[in-house]
Amino acid sequence: MRTVTATRYVTPLREGGSLPAIVEASDDGLYVVKFRASGHRTKALVAELVTGELARAAGLRVPEIVLVEVDSALGRNEPDSEIRDLLKGSVGLNVALDYLPGSITFDPVAGPAPPADEASAIVWMDAFASNIDRTARNPNLLSWHGQLWLIDHGSSLYFHHAWGGERALGRDPFAAVKDHVLLRWASRLAETGERIAPRLGAATVEAVLAGIPDDWLTDEARFATPSAHRAAYAGYLARRLEAAPIFLEEARRARDGIV
């Protein structure tokens, strides 16, 4: 995963509760940055990175994810005090997605409807990652050059807000799938799951988790080291994959109720 340095704060994206922003970086690219001082702090960054990269490994389209170094000088002259404080608290490594110029938010009413295989893959992946933030109200899907791109995974993997809780066992059926924006078109869930699951094995998970910066993994007293924290994520994701029949059945039941 590449690391770039933020060189210019361009504009906030205030439709998000965590104040993401378009930022220009040292490679002259534009990125949508999620800041470590906002929302659920580094847990949201971990979820963004891990779920996004696993979705990519599953064959789905996700804009390039990069680490963004924010220097203390960035935003020093920003007139908005909220943004200034956000940048001040986010010095260090943050996470960003490549900005897709001209993209538009997917509209389930206006369409066009996604192919069944693609809709099924996205629903399956979101159930696997417990992503509660892909609804008709907030699809977090962009249409760009006639294709769907997945963005904004900071609300996924919500089990990690309570490591000792039952959800950390990985067997949650994910009832929130009933609200998934693509559920009605996901008619090939079982076949798609058989295709995706082998792509999310231990080697893939280990490679993705290795990309998490160590200082994003120091906020849980139960883990003595970042390596132990990564191992806990790996264990959860392995259990979650084993539980695929549970969340697949929940998704099927939810879909039967709307079609």
Protein backbone atom coordinates (compact mmCIF):
# COMPACT_ATOMS: atom_id res chain seq x y z
CA MET A 1 0.00 0.00 0.00
CA ARG A 2 1.35 3.39 -0.99
CA THR A 3 1.91 6.26 1.44
CA VAL A 4 1.52 9.85 0.26
CA THR A 5 1.81 13.16 2.08
CA ALA A 6 -1.10 15.60 2.21
CA THR A 7 -0.04 18.89 0.65
CA ARG A 8 -3.31 20.82 0.40
CA TYR A 9 -6.69 20.59 2.10
CA VAL A 10 -9.15 21.18 -0.76
CA THR A 11 -12.69 20.93 0.56
CA PRO A 12 -14.69 19.09 3.23
CA LEU A 13 -17.37 16.57 2.30
CA ARG A 14 -19.91 17.54 4.89
CA GLU A 15 -22.47 14.89 4.00
CA GLY A 16 -20.41 12.50 6.12
CA GLY A 17 -20.63 12.66 9.88
CA SER A 18 -16.87 12.22 10.24
CA LEU A 19 -15.91 15.21 8.06
CA PRO A 20 -13.96 13.43 5.32
CA ALA A 21 -12.36 15.78 2.83
CA ILE A 22 -10.83 16.01 -0.61
CA VAL A 23 -7.10 16.50 -0.17
CA GLU A 24 -4.29 16.95 -2.67
CA ALA A 25 -1.20 14.85 -2.03
CA SER A 26 2.49 14.76 -2.83
CA ASP A 27 1.90 12.64 -5.95
CA ASP A 28 -0.40 15.41 -7.31
CA GLY A 29 -3.39 13.11 -6.87
CA LEU A 30 -6.68 13.95 -5.20
CA TYR A 31 -7.96 11.69 -2.43
CA VAL A 32 -10.97 11.43 -0.14
CA VAL A 33 -9.33 11.31 3.28
CA LYS A 34 -10.78 9.83 6.46
CA PHE A 35 -9.11 11.42 9.48
CA ARG A 36 -7.97 9.65 12.60
CA ALA A 37 -9.35 12.38 14.89
CA SER A 38 -12.94 11.99 13.73
CA GLY A 39 -15.79 9.64 14.58
CA HIS A 40 -14.58 6.31 15.90
CA ARG A 41 -10.98 7.39 15.39
CA THR A 42 -8.51 4.71 14.29
CA LYS A 43 -11.09 1.91 14.49
CA ALA A 44 -12.89 3.52 11.56
CA LEU A 45 -9.60 3.70 9.66
CA VAL A 46 -8.92 0.02 10.31
CA ALA A 47 -12.40 -0.89 9.08
CA GLU A 48 -11.95 1.24 5.96
CA LEU A 49 -8.64 -0.35 5.08
CA VAL A 50 -9.43 -3.96 5.95
CA THR A 51 -12.91 -4.16 4.45
CA GLY A 52 -11.92 -2.22 1.35
CA GLU A 53 -8.89 -4.39 0.62
CA LEU A 54 -10.78 -7.62 1.30
CA ALA A 55 -13.53 -6.46 -1.06
CA ARG A 56 -10.85 -5.84 -3.69
CA ALA A 57 -9.46 -9.33 -3.10
CA ALA A 58 -12.98 -10.66 -3.59
CA GLY A 59 -13.03 -9.11 -7.05
CA LEU A 60 -15.07 -5.99 -6.34
CA ARG A 61 -14.16 -2.50 -7.50
CA VAL A 62 -12.79 -0.26 -4.74
CA PRO A 63 -10.84 2.95 -5.44
CA GLU A 64 -7.16 2.66 -4.57
CA ILE A 65 -6.64 2.93 -0.81
CA VAL A 66 -3.56 4.80 0.37
CA LEU A 67 -2.11 5.93 3.65
CA VAL A 68 -1.92 9.71 3.95
CA GLU A 69 0.63 11.43 6.15
CA VAL A 70 -0.79 14.62 7.66
CA ASP A 71 1.79 17.14 8.87
CA SER A 72 1.12 19.61 11.66
CA ALA A 73 1.42 22.46 9.15
CA LEU A 74 -1.59 21.27 7.11
CA GLY A 75 -4.60 23.47 7.77
CA ARG A 76 -2.69 25.85 10.00
CA ASN A 77 -4.34 28.74 8.16
CA GLU A 78 -7.73 27.04 7.81
CA PRO A 79 -10.40 29.57 8.89
CA ASP A 80 -12.91 26.92 10.03
CA SER A 81 -12.02 26.03 13.62
CA GLU A 82 -13.69 22.61 13.45
CA ILE A 83 -11.61 21.63 10.43
CA ARG A 84 -8.47 23.13 11.98
CA ASP A 85 -8.95 21.07 15.14
CA LEU A 86 -9.65 17.95 13.07
CA LEU A 87 -6.40 18.33 11.15
CA LYS A 88 -4.43 19.13 14.28
CA GLY A 89 -5.70 15.94 15.90
CA SER A 90 -4.96 13.87 12.80
CA VAL A 91 -1.22 14.43 12.52
CA GLY A 92 0.33 11.15 11.42
CA LEU A 93 -1.05 8.42 9.16
CA ASN A 94 -4.63 8.58 7.95
CA VAL A 95 -6.47 6.61 5.27
CA ALA A 96 -7.80 7.75 1.91
CA LEU A 97 -9.48 6.52 -1.25
CA ASP A 98 -8.59 7.74 -4.70
CA TYR A 99 -10.99 10.51 -5.76
CA LEU A 100 -13.11 9.50 -8.76
CA PRO A 101 -13.84 12.72 -10.66
CA GLY A 102 -17.27 12.88 -12.23
CA SER A 103 -18.64 9.90 -10.32
CA ILE A 104 -22.22 9.99 -9.07
CA THR A 105 -23.94 8.23 -6.20
CA PHE A 106 -25.80 5.09 -7.24
CA ASP A 107 -29.57 5.64 -7.22
CA PRO A 108 -31.57 2.41 -6.76
CA VAL A 109 -34.65 4.10 -8.28
CA ALA A 110 -33.00 5.63 -11.34
CA GLY A 111 -30.75 2.63 -11.94
CA PRO A 112 -29.54 1.01 -14.01
CA ALA A 113 -29.94 -2.17 -11.99
CA PRO A 114 -26.67 -4.00 -11.35
CA PRO A 115 -26.17 -7.53 -12.71
CA ALA A 116 -27.28 -10.28 -10.34
CA ASP A 117 -23.73 -11.60 -9.89
CA GLU A 118 -22.37 -8.17 -8.93
CA ALA A 119 -25.26 -7.34 -6.60
CA SER A 120 -24.91 -10.74 -4.94
CA ALA A 121 -21.17 -10.31 -4.48
CA ILE A 122 -21.59 -6.90 -2.84
CA VAL A 123 -24.36 -8.13 -0.53
CA TRP A 124 -22.34 -11.21 0.42
CA MET A 125 -19.23 -9.15 1.10
CA ASP A 126 -21.12 -6.59 3.19
CA ALA A 127 -22.72 -9.38 5.25
CA PHE A 128 -19.28 -10.93 5.78
CA ALA A 129 -17.84 -7.58 6.90
CA SER A 130 -20.97 -6.54 8.84
CA ASN A 131 -21.20 -3.33 6.84
CA ILE A 132 -24.34 -1.54 8.03
CA ASP A 133 -23.80 1.45 5.76
CA ARG A 134 -25.01 0.37 2.31
CA THR A 135 -28.67 1.35 2.39
CA ALA A 136 -31.01 3.13 -0.02
CA ARG A 137 -30.61 6.24 2.09
CA ASN A 138 -26.82 6.02 2.02
CA PRO A 139 -25.68 3.56 -0.68
CA ASN A 140 -21.94 4.30 -0.52
CA LEU A 141 -21.77 3.14 -4.11
CA LEU A 142 -20.47 5.34 -6.90
CA SER A 143 -21.28 4.99 -10.57
CA TRP A 144 -18.14 5.82 -12.56
CA HIS A 145 -17.65 5.09 -16.26
CA GLY A 146 -20.68 2.80 -16.17
CA GLN A 147 -19.43 0.65 -13.29
CA LEU A 148 -20.16 0.44 -9.57
CA TRP A 149 -17.41 1.31 -7.11
CA LEU A 150 -17.55 0.61 -3.37
CA ILE A 151 -16.62 3.36 -0.93
CA ASP A 152 -16.84 4.23 2.77
CA HIS A 153 -16.40 1.10 4.89
CA GLY A 154 -15.67 2.83 8.18
CA SER A 155 -18.84 1.47 9.80
CA SER A 156 -18.06 -2.16 9.00
CA LEU A 157 -16.44 -4.69 11.37
CA TYR A 158 -18.42 -3.13 14.20
CA PHE A 159 -17.62 -6.07 16.45
CA HIS A 160 -14.27 -4.40 17.22
CA HIS A 161 -15.99 -1.76 19.35
CA ALA A 162 -16.62 -4.54 21.90
CA TRP A 163 -13.99 -7.25 21.56
CA GLY A 164 -15.36 -9.19 24.47
CA GLY A 165 -18.90 -9.22 23.11
CA GLU A 166 -20.79 -12.03 21.43
CA ARG A 167 -20.38 -10.50 17.97
CA ALA A 168 -16.62 -11.00 18.21
CA LEU A 169 -17.33 -14.73 17.90
CA GLY A 170 -18.12 -14.08 14.25
CA ARG A 171 -21.49 -15.86 14.11
CA ASP A 172 -23.78 -12.84 13.93
CA PRO A 173 -26.39 -13.47 11.19
CA PHE A 174 -26.26 -9.75 10.31
CA ALA A 175 -29.95 -8.88 10.42
CA ALA A 176 -29.16 -5.44 8.98
CA VAL A 177 -28.83 -7.09 5.56
CA LYS A 178 -32.58 -6.55 5.16
CA ASP A 179 -31.84 -2.87 4.50
CA HIS A 180 -29.12 -3.44 1.91
CA VAL A 181 -29.63 -1.27 -1.16
CA LEU A 182 -28.81 -4.11 -3.60
CA LEU A 183 -30.61 -6.98 -1.86
CA ARG A 184 -33.49 -7.17 -4.34
CA TRP A 185 -31.04 -7.85 -7.19
CA ALA A 186 -28.91 -10.35 -5.24
CA SER A 187 -30.42 -13.52 -6.68
CA ARG A 188 -27.17 -15.53 -6.84
CA LEU A 189 -25.93 -15.33 -3.27
CA ALA A 190 -25.00 -18.99 -2.83
CA GLU A 191 -23.11 -19.29 -6.11
CA THR A 192 -21.34 -16.01 -5.52
CA GLY A 193 -20.34 -17.00 -2.00
CA GLU A 194 -18.75 -20.19 -3.30
CA ARG A 195 -16.68 -18.09 -5.69
CA ILE A 196 -15.65 -15.39 -3.21
CA ALA A 197 -14.94 -17.36 -0.04
CA PRO A 198 -11.77 -19.08 -1.33
CA ARG A 199 -10.33 -15.63 -2.10
CA LEU A 200 -10.54 -14.59 1.55
CA GLY A 201 -8.38 -17.25 3.10
CA ALA A 202 -5.70 -16.85 5.75
CA ALA A 203 -2.94 -15.70 3.38
CA THR A 204 -5.09 -12.91 1.94
CA VAL A 205 -6.26 -11.78 5.36
CA GLU A 206 -2.71 -11.79 6.72
CA ALA A 207 -1.49 -9.66 3.80
CA VAL A 208 -4.29 -7.12 4.30
CA LEU A 209 -3.80 -6.91 8.06
CA ALA A 210 -0.07 -6.36 7.57
CA GLY A 211 -0.95 -3.04 5.94
CA ILE A 212 -2.47 -1.60 9.12
CA PRO A 213 -0.06 0.90 10.72
CA ASP A 214 1.05 -0.18 14.18
CA ASP A 215 -0.15 3.02 15.82
CA TRP A 216 -3.74 2.28 14.73
CA LEU A 217 -3.59 -0.85 16.89
CA THR A 218 -2.66 0.54 20.30
CA ASP A 219 -6.09 1.49 21.65
CA GLU A 220 -7.12 -1.89 23.12
CA ALA A 221 -5.66 -2.77 26.51
CA ARG A 222 -6.49 -6.45 26.00
CA PHE A 223 -3.82 -6.71 23.29
CA ALA A 224 -0.23 -6.28 24.44
CA THR A 225 1.18 -5.58 20.98
CA PRO A 226 -0.02 -4.57 17.50
CA SER A 227 0.87 -8.10 16.36
CA ALA A 228 -1.50 -9.56 18.95
CA HIS A 229 -4.18 -7.12 17.83
CA ARG A 230 -3.70 -8.19 14.18
CA ALA A 231 -3.91 -11.84 15.22
CA ALA A 232 -7.24 -11.14 16.90
CA TYR A 233 -8.59 -9.64 13.69
CA ALA A 234 -7.30 -12.63 11.75
CA GLY A 235 -9.04 -15.01 14.14
CA TYR A 236 -12.30 -13.12 13.86
CA LEU A 237 -12.22 -13.05 10.06
CA ALA A 238 -11.49 -16.79 9.93
CA ARG A 239 -14.46 -17.48 12.19
CA ARG A 240 -16.61 -15.12 10.13
CA LEU A 241 -15.77 -17.00 6.96
CA GLU A 242 -16.70 -20.28 8.62
CA ALA A 243 -20.02 -18.69 9.58
CA ALA A 244 -20.89 -17.87 5.96
CA PRO A 245 -23.89 -20.27 5.95
CA ILE A 246 -25.38 -18.30 8.85
CA PHE A 247 -25.26 -14.86 7.24
CA LEU A 248 -26.08 -16.31 3.82
CA GLU A 249 -29.30 -17.82 5.17
CA GLU A 250 -30.20 -14.50 6.79
CA ALA A 251 -29.66 -12.69 3.49
CA ARG A 252 -31.79 -15.22 1.62
CA ARG A 253 -34.59 -14.89 4.15
CA ALA A 254 -34.47 -11.10 3.97
CA ARG A 255 -34.55 -11.14 0.19
CA ASP A 256 -37.51 -13.53 0.13
CA GLY A 257 -39.38 -10.91 2.13
CA ILE A 258 -38.97 -8.18 -0.48
CA VAL A 259 -39.23 -9.92 -3.85
